[in-house]
Amino acid sequence: MSQEDFRDTVAVQDEAYAEYQRLINLTEDEVQAEFPGGGYEDAVTNAATDYQVAREGAVEAQTIANESLSTLTGGRELSEGALAELWRLLDM
């Protein structure tokens, strides 16, 4: 998984979380305006599910990234500077 793929996965998670937060923080008037025919509860449930799935994907991506980094470094921990240099060398 490339650094870009990882960032995209985290961005999907962040967007799903933001939508869930937006929905649960709507005022009663905003709920009525956005869901005049009903469906607010379903929208919140779907947003929560979307966030949970995206979160699981982000956790899996983090695990893969950590395993890959460990393989590349032979298990050694890198300083921030060394890690940044590794990403630069890998053109990521």
PDB file of N, CA and C in Angstrom:
ATOM      1  N   MET A   1       0.853  -1.172   0.000  1.00  0.00           N
ATOM      2  CA  MET A   1       0.000   0.000   0.000  1.00  0.00           C
ATOM      3  C   MET A   1       0.899   1.234   0.000  1.00  0.00           C
ATOM      4  N   SER A   2       0.631   2.113  -0.913  1.00  0.00           N
ATOM      5  CA  SER A   2       1.439   3.331  -0.994  1.00  0.00           C
ATOM      6  C   SER A   2       0.981   4.333   0.066  1.00  0.00           C
ATOM      7  N   GLN A   3       1.822   5.299   0.307  1.00  0.00           N
ATOM      8  CA  GLN A   3       1.468   6.347   1.263  1.00  0.00           C
ATOM      9  C   GLN A   3       0.215   7.085   0.778  1.00  0.00           C
ATOM     10  N   GLU A   4       0.095   7.274  -0.521  1.00  0.00           N
ATOM     11  CA  GLU A   4      -1.084   7.943  -1.076  1.00  0.00           C
ATOM     12  C   GLU A   4      -2.355   7.122  -0.821  1.00  0.00           C
ATOM     13  N   ASP A   5      -2.266   5.803  -1.021  1.00  0.00           N
ATOM     14  CA  ASP A   5      -3.415   4.937  -0.739  1.00  0.00           C
ATOM     15  C   ASP A   5      -3.792   5.019   0.734  1.00  0.00           C
ATOM     16  N   PHE A   6      -2.779   5.019   1.593  1.00  0.00           N
ATOM     17  CA  PHE A   6      -3.027   5.122   3.028  1.00  0.00           C
ATOM     18  C   PHE A   6      -3.727   6.438   3.348  1.00  0.00           C
ATOM     19  N   ARG A   7      -3.219   7.510   2.797  1.00  0.00           N
ATOM     20  CA  ARG A   7      -3.835   8.825   3.041  1.00  0.00           C
ATOM     21  C   ARG A   7      -5.269   8.860   2.530  1.00  0.00           C
ATOM     22  N   ASP A   8      -5.511   8.258   1.366  1.00  0.00           N
ATOM     23  CA  ASP A   8      -6.871   8.209   0.818  1.00  0.00           C
ATOM     24  C   ASP A   8      -7.802   7.431   1.736  1.00  0.00           C
ATOM     25  N   THR A   9      -7.310   6.324   2.274  1.00  0.00           N
ATOM     26  CA  THR A   9      -8.113   5.507   3.179  1.00  0.00           C
ATOM     27  C   THR A   9      -8.468   6.287   4.435  1.00  0.00           C
ATOM     28  N   VAL A  10      -7.512   6.995   4.985  1.00  0.00           N
ATOM     29  CA  VAL A  10      -7.763   7.803   6.174  1.00  0.00           C
ATOM     30  C   VAL A  10      -8.717   8.951   5.838  1.00  0.00           C
ATOM     31  N   ALA A  11      -8.585   9.532   4.650  1.00  0.00           N
ATOM     32  CA  ALA A  11      -9.480  10.623   4.246  1.00  0.00           C
ATOM     33  C   ALA A  11     -10.924  10.126   4.145  1.00  0.00           C
ATOM     34  N   VAL A  12     -11.113   8.918   3.620  1.00  0.00           N
ATOM     35  CA  VAL A  12     -12.465   8.339   3.546  1.00  0.00           C
ATOM     36  C   VAL A  12     -13.031   8.185   4.954  1.00  0.00           C
ATOM     37  N   GLN A  13     -12.199   7.694   5.868  1.00  0.00           N
ATOM     38  CA  GLN A  13     -12.636   7.565   7.257  1.00  0.00           C
ATOM     39  C   GLN A  13     -13.017   8.923   7.836  1.00  0.00           C
ATOM     40  N   ASP A  14     -12.182   9.921   7.616  1.00  0.00           N
ATOM     41  CA  ASP A  14     -12.434  11.255   8.160  1.00  0.00           C
ATOM     42  C   ASP A  14     -13.715  11.860   7.590  1.00  0.00           C
ATOM     43  N   GLU A  15     -13.952  11.641   6.303  1.00  0.00           N
ATOM     44  CA  GLU A  15     -15.171  12.154   5.673  1.00  0.00           C
ATOM     45  C   GLU A  15     -16.411  11.460   6.235  1.00  0.00           C
ATOM     46  N   ALA A  16     -16.325  10.157   6.430  1.00  0.00           N
ATOM     47  CA  ALA A  16     -17.454   9.403   6.985  1.00  0.00           C
ATOM     48  C   ALA A  16     -17.754   9.870   8.409  1.00  0.00           C
ATOM     49  N   TYR A  17     -16.704  10.099   9.185  1.00  0.00           N
ATOM     50  CA  TYR A  17     -16.890  10.581  10.549  1.00  0.00           C
ATOM     51  C   TYR A  17     -17.507  11.984  10.558  1.00  0.00           C
ATOM     52  N   ALA A  18     -17.029  12.832   9.679  1.00  0.00           N
ATOM     53  CA  ALA A  18     -17.559  14.205   9.599  1.00  0.00           C
ATOM     54  C   ALA A  18     -19.045  14.191   9.246  1.00  0.00           C
ATOM     55  N   GLU A  19     -19.438  13.324   8.332  1.00  0.00           N
ATOM     56  CA  GLU A  19     -20.856  13.237   7.957  1.00  0.00           C
ATOM     57  C   GLU A  19     -21.691  12.736   9.127  1.00  0.00           C
ATOM     58  N   TYR A  20     -21.200  11.733   9.823  1.00  0.00           N
ATOM     59  CA  TYR A  20     -21.919  11.232  10.997  1.00  0.00           C
ATOM     60  C   TYR A  20     -22.066  12.344  12.038  1.00  0.00           C
ATOM     61  N   GLN A  21     -20.988  13.050  12.308  1.00  0.00           N
ATOM     62  CA  GLN A  21     -21.035  14.152  13.274  1.00  0.00           C
ATOM     63  C   GLN A  21     -21.992  15.255  12.821  1.00  0.00           C
ATOM     64  N   ARG A  22     -21.966  15.556  11.530  1.00  0.00           N
ATOM     65  CA  ARG A  22     -22.872  16.581  11.012  1.00  0.00           C
ATOM     66  C   ARG A  22     -24.321  16.192  11.267  1.00  0.00           C
ATOM     67  N   LEU A  23     -24.635  14.946  10.969  1.00  0.00           N
ATOM     68  CA  LEU A  23     -26.020  14.497  11.130  1.00  0.00           C
ATOM     69  C   LEU A  23     -26.458  14.497  12.593  1.00  0.00           C
ATOM     70  N   ILE A  24     -25.626  13.987  13.474  1.00  0.00           N
ATOM     71  CA  ILE A  24     -26.065  13.914  14.869  1.00  0.00           C
ATOM     72  C   ILE A  24     -26.100  15.279  15.551  1.00  0.00           C
ATOM     73  N   ASN A  25     -25.490  16.265  14.934  1.00  0.00           N
ATOM     74  CA  ASN A  25     -25.496  17.606  15.514  1.00  0.00           C
ATOM     75  C   ASN A  25     -26.509  18.548  14.868  1.00  0.00           C
ATOM     76  N   LEU A  26     -27.336  18.022  13.960  1.00  0.00           N
ATOM     77  CA  LEU A  26     -28.372  18.852  13.366  1.00  0.00           C
ATOM     78  C   LEU A  26     -29.395  19.245  14.430  1.00  0.00           C
ATOM     79  N   THR A  27     -29.864  20.479  14.346  1.00  0.00           N
ATOM     80  CA  THR A  27     -30.954  20.893  15.227  1.00  0.00           C
ATOM     81  C   THR A  27     -32.253  20.282  14.709  1.00  0.00           C
ATOM     82  N   GLU A  28     -33.269  20.350  15.511  1.00  0.00           N
ATOM     83  CA  GLU A  28     -34.574  19.811  15.093  1.00  0.00           C
ATOM     84  C   GLU A  28     -35.064  20.505  13.825  1.00  0.00           C
ATOM     85  N   ASP A  29     -34.883  21.812  13.739  1.00  0.00           N
ATOM     86  CA  ASP A  29     -35.292  22.549  12.540  1.00  0.00           C
ATOM     87  C   ASP A  29     -34.488  22.102  11.315  1.00  0.00           C
ATOM     88  N   GLU A  30     -33.186  21.888  11.492  1.00  0.00           N
ATOM     89  CA  GLU A  30     -32.345  21.430  10.383  1.00  0.00           C
ATOM     90  C   GLU A  30     -32.739  20.021   9.936  1.00  0.00           C
ATOM     91  N   VAL A  31     -33.090  19.173  10.887  1.00  0.00           N
ATOM     92  CA  VAL A  31     -33.547  17.824  10.540  1.00  0.00           C
ATOM     93  C   VAL A  31     -34.815  17.921   9.698  1.00  0.00           C
ATOM     94  N   GLN A  32     -35.744  18.753  10.119  1.00  0.00           N
ATOM     95  CA  GLN A  32     -36.995  18.920   9.374  1.00  0.00           C
ATOM     96  C   GLN A  32     -36.749  19.470   7.968  1.00  0.00           C
ATOM     97  N   ALA A  33     -35.811  20.390   7.846  1.00  0.00           N
ATOM     98  CA  ALA A  33     -35.505  20.986   6.543  1.00  0.00           C
ATOM     99  C   ALA A  33     -34.810  19.987   5.616  1.00  0.00           C
ATOM    100  N   GLU A  34     -33.901  19.185   6.157  1.00  0.00           N
ATOM    101  CA  GLU A  34     -33.136  18.254   5.332  1.00  0.00           C
ATOM    102  C   GLU A  34     -33.874  16.942   5.066  1.00  0.00           C
ATOM    103  N   PHE A  35     -34.762  16.572   5.993  1.00  0.00           N
ATOM    104  CA  PHE A  35     -35.498  15.312   5.874  1.00  0.00           C
ATOM    105  C   PHE A  35     -36.998  15.565   6.060  1.00  0.00           C
ATOM    106  N   PRO A  36     -37.597  16.347   5.165  1.00  0.00           N
ATOM    107  CA  PRO A  36     -39.008  16.707   5.360  1.00  0.00           C
ATOM    108  C   PRO A  36     -39.952  15.498   5.324  1.00  0.00           C
ATOM    109  N   GLY A  37     -39.580  14.465   4.625  1.00  0.00           N
ATOM    110  CA  GLY A  37     -40.432  13.279   4.551  1.00  0.00           C
ATOM    111  C   GLY A  37     -40.010  12.181   5.506  1.00  0.00           C
ATOM    112  N   GLY A  38     -39.105  12.489   6.426  1.00  0.00           N
ATOM    113  CA  GLY A  38     -38.591  11.484   7.353  1.00  0.00           C
ATOM    114  C   GLY A  38     -37.287  10.895   6.843  1.00  0.00           C
ATOM    115  N   GLY A  39     -36.808   9.910   7.528  1.00  0.00           N
ATOM    116  CA  GLY A  39     -35.588   9.234   7.120  1.00  0.00           C
ATOM    117  C   GLY A  39     -34.343   9.666   7.855  1.00  0.00           C
ATOM    118  N   TYR A  40     -34.494  10.578   8.803  1.00  0.00           N
ATOM    119  CA  TYR A  40     -33.317  11.058   9.535  1.00  0.00           C
ATOM    120  C   TYR A  40     -32.633   9.920  10.293  1.00  0.00           C
ATOM    121  N   GLU A  41     -33.411   9.121  11.000  1.00  0.00           N
ATOM    122  CA  GLU A  41     -32.834   8.031  11.788  1.00  0.00           C
ATOM    123  C   GLU A  41     -32.071   7.060  10.897  1.00  0.00           C
ATOM    124  N   ASP A  42     -32.640   6.751   9.735  1.00  0.00           N
ATOM    125  CA  ASP A  42     -31.955   5.859   8.795  1.00  0.00           C
ATOM    126  C   ASP A  42     -30.652   6.489   8.296  1.00  0.00           C
ATOM    127  N   ALA A  43     -30.675   7.792   8.047  1.00  0.00           N
ATOM    128  CA  ALA A  43     -29.468   8.479   7.585  1.00  0.00           C
ATOM    129  C   ALA A  43     -28.371   8.417   8.651  1.00  0.00           C
ATOM    130  N   VAL A  44     -28.754   8.598   9.910  1.00  0.00           N
ATOM    131  CA  VAL A  44     -27.776   8.522  11.006  1.00  0.00           C
ATOM    132  C   VAL A  44     -27.230   7.103  11.119  1.00  0.00           C
ATOM    133  N   THR A  45     -28.100   6.118  11.034  1.00  0.00           N
ATOM    134  CA  THR A  45     -27.669   4.721  11.106  1.00  0.00           C
ATOM    135  C   THR A  45     -26.720   4.386   9.961  1.00  0.00           C
ATOM    136  N   ASN A  46     -27.069   4.809   8.757  1.00  0.00           N
ATOM    137  CA  ASN A  46     -26.207   4.559   7.594  1.00  0.00           C
ATOM    138  C   ASN A  46     -24.867   5.272   7.726  1.00  0.00           C
ATOM    139  N   ALA A  47     -24.890   6.498   8.229  1.00  0.00           N
ATOM    140  CA  ALA A  47     -23.646   7.244   8.418  1.00  0.00           C
ATOM    141  C   ALA A  47     -22.770   6.566   9.466  1.00  0.00           C
ATOM    142  N   ALA A  48     -23.373   6.047  10.516  1.00  0.00           N
ATOM    143  CA  ALA A  48     -22.608   5.346  11.548  1.00  0.00           C
ATOM    144  C   ALA A  48     -21.985   4.074  10.978  1.00  0.00           C
ATOM    145  N   THR A  49     -22.750   3.358  10.173  1.00  0.00           N
ATOM    146  CA  THR A  49     -22.238   2.140   9.536  1.00  0.00           C
ATOM    147  C   THR A  49     -21.105   2.474   8.572  1.00  0.00           C
ATOM    148  N   ASP A  50     -21.292   3.513   7.768  1.00  0.00           N
ATOM    149  CA  ASP A  50     -20.247   3.933   6.829  1.00  0.00           C
ATOM    150  C   ASP A  50     -18.963   4.289   7.572  1.00  0.00           C
ATOM    151  N   TYR A  51     -19.106   4.977   8.691  1.00  0.00           N
ATOM    152  CA  TYR A  51     -17.928   5.345   9.481  1.00  0.00           C
ATOM    153  C   TYR A  51     -17.252   4.103  10.044  1.00  0.00           C
ATOM    154  N   GLN A  52     -18.042   3.177  10.567  1.00  0.00           N
ATOM    155  CA  GLN A  52     -17.465   1.954  11.138  1.00  0.00           C
ATOM    156  C   GLN A  52     -16.680   1.179  10.082  1.00  0.00           C
ATOM    157  N   VAL A  53     -17.235   1.038   8.885  1.00  0.00           N
ATOM    158  CA  VAL A  53     -16.549   0.325   7.798  1.00  0.00           C
ATOM    159  C   VAL A  53     -15.275   1.069   7.395  1.00  0.00           C
ATOM    160  N   ALA A  54     -15.373   2.392   7.269  1.00  0.00           N
ATOM    161  CA  ALA A  54     -14.200   3.197   6.894  1.00  0.00           C
ATOM    162  C   ALA A  54     -13.136   3.128   7.977  1.00  0.00           C
ATOM    163  N   ARG A  55     -13.554   3.130   9.231  1.00  0.00           N
ATOM    164  CA  ARG A  55     -12.602   3.049  10.354  1.00  0.00           C
ATOM    165  C   ARG A  55     -11.858   1.715  10.324  1.00  0.00           C
ATOM    166  N   GLU A  56     -12.599   0.636  10.066  1.00  0.00           N
ATOM    167  CA  GLU A  56     -11.971  -0.679   9.973  1.00  0.00           C
ATOM    168  C   GLU A  56     -10.949  -0.703   8.830  1.00  0.00           C
ATOM    169  N   GLY A  57     -11.289  -0.068   7.709  1.00  0.00           N
ATOM    170  CA  GLY A  57     -10.350   0.012   6.592  1.00  0.00           C
ATOM    171  C   GLY A  57      -9.107   0.798   6.946  1.00  0.00           C
ATOM    172  N   ALA A  58      -9.282   1.876   7.691  1.00  0.00           N
ATOM    173  CA  ALA A  58      -8.133   2.697   8.089  1.00  0.00           C
ATOM    174  C   ALA A  58      -7.240   1.951   9.076  1.00  0.00           C
ATOM    175  N   VAL A  59      -7.840   1.211   9.986  1.00  0.00           N
ATOM    176  CA  VAL A  59      -7.051   0.426  10.942  1.00  0.00           C
ATOM    177  C   VAL A  59      -6.272  -0.650  10.197  1.00  0.00           C
ATOM    178  N   GLU A  60      -6.919  -1.310   9.244  1.00  0.00           N
ATOM    179  CA  GLU A  60      -6.233  -2.329   8.446  1.00  0.00           C
ATOM    180  C   GLU A  60      -5.085  -1.709   7.651  1.00  0.00           C
ATOM    181  N   ALA A  61      -5.317  -0.539   7.074  1.00  0.00           N
ATOM    182  CA  ALA A  61      -4.266   0.147   6.317  1.00  0.00           C
ATOM    183  C   ALA A  61      -3.095   0.510   7.218  1.00  0.00           C
ATOM    184  N   GLN A  62      -3.390   0.945   8.438  1.00  0.00           N
ATOM    185  CA  GLN A  62      -2.323   1.287   9.385  1.00  0.00           C
ATOM    186  C   GLN A  62      -1.513   0.049   9.746  1.00  0.00           C
ATOM    187  N   THR A  63      -2.189  -1.065   9.926  1.00  0.00           N
ATOM    188  CA  THR A  63      -1.500  -2.321  10.241  1.00  0.00           C
ATOM    189  C   THR A  63      -0.575  -2.719   9.100  1.00  0.00           C
ATOM    190  N   ILE A  64      -1.077  -2.635   7.874  1.00  0.00           N
ATOM    191  CA  ILE A  64      -0.263  -2.969   6.701  1.00  0.00           C
ATOM    192  C   ILE A  64       0.938  -2.034   6.603  1.00  0.00           C
ATOM    193  N   ALA A  65       0.704  -0.746   6.816  1.00  0.00           N
ATOM    194  CA  ALA A  65       1.793   0.238   6.742  1.00  0.00           C
ATOM    195  C   ALA A  65       2.853  -0.059   7.807  1.00  0.00           C
ATOM    196  N   ASN A  66       2.411  -0.368   9.012  1.00  0.00           N
ATOM    197  CA  ASN A  66       3.363  -0.675  10.091  1.00  0.00           C
ATOM    198  C   ASN A  66       4.169  -1.935   9.783  1.00  0.00           C
ATOM    199  N   GLU A  67       3.497  -2.963   9.270  1.00  0.00           N
ATOM    200  CA  GLU A  67       4.190  -4.205   8.921  1.00  0.00           C
ATOM    201  C   GLU A  67       5.193  -3.967   7.793  1.00  0.00           C
ATOM    202  N   SER A  68       4.801  -3.181   6.806  1.00  0.00           N
ATOM    203  CA  SER A  68       5.694  -2.882   5.686  1.00  0.00           C
ATOM    204  C   SER A  68       6.908  -2.092   6.156  1.00  0.00           C
ATOM    205  N   LEU A  69       6.671  -1.113   7.009  1.00  0.00           N
ATOM    206  CA  LEU A  69       7.775  -0.311   7.536  1.00  0.00           C
ATOM    207  C   LEU A  69       8.725  -1.184   8.354  1.00  0.00           C
ATOM    208  N   SER A  70       8.167  -2.069   9.159  1.00  0.00           N
ATOM    209  CA  SER A  70       9.003  -2.969   9.952  1.00  0.00           C
ATOM    210  C   SER A  70       9.859  -3.861   9.059  1.00  0.00           C
ATOM    211  N   THR A  71       9.277  -4.338   7.967  1.00  0.00           N
ATOM    212  CA  THR A  71      10.018  -5.165   7.015  1.00  0.00           C
ATOM    213  C   THR A  71      11.139  -4.358   6.363  1.00  0.00           C
ATOM    214  N   LEU A  72      10.808  -3.133   5.932  1.00  0.00           N
ATOM    215  CA  LEU A  72      11.806  -2.289   5.275  1.00  0.00           C
ATOM    216  C   LEU A  72      12.972  -1.920   6.185  1.00  0.00           C
ATOM    217  N   THR A  73      12.684  -1.746   7.461  1.00  0.00           N
ATOM    218  CA  THR A  73      13.719  -1.279   8.389  1.00  0.00           C
ATOM    219  C   THR A  73      14.338  -2.399   9.203  1.00  0.00           C
ATOM    220  N   GLY A  74      13.929  -3.625   8.945  1.00  0.00           N
ATOM    221  CA  GLY A  74      14.443  -4.735   9.740  1.00  0.00           C
ATOM    222  C   GLY A  74      14.008  -4.655  11.186  1.00  0.00           C
ATOM    223  N   GLY A  75      12.873  -4.015  11.426  1.00  0.00           N
ATOM    224  CA  GLY A  75      12.332  -3.912  12.776  1.00  0.00           C
ATOM    225  C   GLY A  75      12.857  -2.746  13.588  1.00  0.00           C
ATOM    226  N   ARG A  76      13.765  -1.966  13.012  1.00  0.00           N
ATOM    227  CA  ARG A  76      14.302  -0.811  13.737  1.00  0.00           C
ATOM    228  C   ARG A  76      13.310   0.346  13.683  1.00  0.00           C
ATOM    229  N   GLU A  77      13.259   1.109  14.760  1.00  0.00           N
ATOM    230  CA  GLU A  77      12.442   2.316  14.765  1.00  0.00           C
ATOM    231  C   GLU A  77      13.232   3.457  14.147  1.00  0.00           C
ATOM    232  N   LEU A  78      12.561   4.252  13.329  1.00  0.00           N
ATOM    233  CA  LEU A  78      13.214   5.379  12.674  1.00  0.00           C
ATOM    234  C   LEU A  78      12.787   6.683  13.328  1.00  0.00           C
ATOM    235  N   SER A  79      13.709   7.626  13.350  1.00  0.00           N
ATOM    236  CA  SER A  79      13.362   8.966  13.817  1.00  0.00           C
ATOM    237  C   SER A  79      12.435   9.595  12.778  1.00  0.00           C
ATOM    238  N   GLU A  80      11.800  10.697  13.160  1.00  0.00           N
ATOM    239  CA  GLU A  80      10.931  11.393  12.200  1.00  0.00           C
ATOM    240  C   GLU A  80      11.686  11.786  10.947  1.00  0.00           C
ATOM    241  N   GLY A  81      12.895  12.290  11.125  1.00  0.00           N
ATOM    242  CA  GLY A  81      13.717  12.706   9.985  1.00  0.00           C
ATOM    243  C   GLY A  81      14.072  11.537   9.081  1.00  0.00           C
ATOM    244  N   ALA A  82      14.445  10.419   9.697  1.00  0.00           N
ATOM    245  CA  ALA A  82      14.804   9.232   8.913  1.00  0.00           C
ATOM    246  C   ALA A  82      13.581   8.683   8.184  1.00  0.00           C
ATOM    247  N   LEU A  83      12.432   8.718   8.846  1.00  0.00           N
ATOM    248  CA  LEU A  83      11.201   8.247   8.206  1.00  0.00           C
ATOM    249  C   LEU A  83      10.829   9.141   7.028  1.00  0.00           C
ATOM    250  N   ALA A  84      10.960  10.442   7.205  1.00  0.00           N
ATOM    251  CA  ALA A  84      10.676  11.374   6.110  1.00  0.00           C
ATOM    252  C   ALA A  84      11.631  11.128   4.943  1.00  0.00           C
ATOM    253  N   GLU A  85      12.888  10.871   5.240  1.00  0.00           N
ATOM    254  CA  GLU A  85      13.866  10.583   4.184  1.00  0.00           C
ATOM    255  C   GLU A  85      13.526   9.274   3.472  1.00  0.00           C
ATOM    256  N   LEU A  86      13.082   8.268   4.213  1.00  0.00           N
ATOM    257  CA  LEU A  86      12.669   7.005   3.594  1.00  0.00           C
ATOM    258  C   LEU A  86      11.519   7.241   2.617  1.00  0.00           C
ATOM    259  N   TRP A  87      10.510   8.003   3.046  1.00  0.00           N
ATOM    260  CA  TRP A  87       9.373   8.293   2.159  1.00  0.00           C
ATOM    261  C   TRP A  87       9.860   9.057   0.918  1.00  0.00           C
ATOM    262  N   ARG A  88      10.799   9.982   1.124  1.00  0.00           N
ATOM    263  CA  ARG A  88      11.324  10.736  -0.025  1.00  0.00           C
ATOM    264  C   ARG A  88      12.043   9.809  -0.986  1.00  0.00           C
ATOM    265  N   LEU A  89      12.860   8.929  -0.459  1.00  0.00           N
ATOM    266  CA  LEU A  89      13.601   8.001  -1.313  1.00  0.00           C
ATOM    267  C   LEU A  89      12.667   7.043  -2.058  1.00  0.00           C
ATOM    268  N   LEU A  90      11.571   6.701  -1.422  1.00  0.00           N
ATOM    269  CA  LEU A  90      10.603   5.805  -2.057  1.00  0.00           C
ATOM    270  C   LEU A  90       9.654   6.580  -2.991  1.00  0.00           C
ATOM    271  N   ASP A  91       9.871   7.902  -3.059  1.00  0.00           N
ATOM    272  CA  ASP A  91       9.053   8.780  -3.892  1.00  0.00           C
ATOM    273  C   ASP A  91       7.578   8.693  -3.515  1.00  0.00           C
ATOM    274  N   MET A  92       7.333   8.790  -2.208  1.00  0.00           N
ATOM    275  CA  MET A  92       5.950   8.684  -1.720  1.00  0.00           C
ATOM    276  C   MET A  92       5.582   9.928  -0.965  1.00  0.00           C
TER     277      MET A  92
END
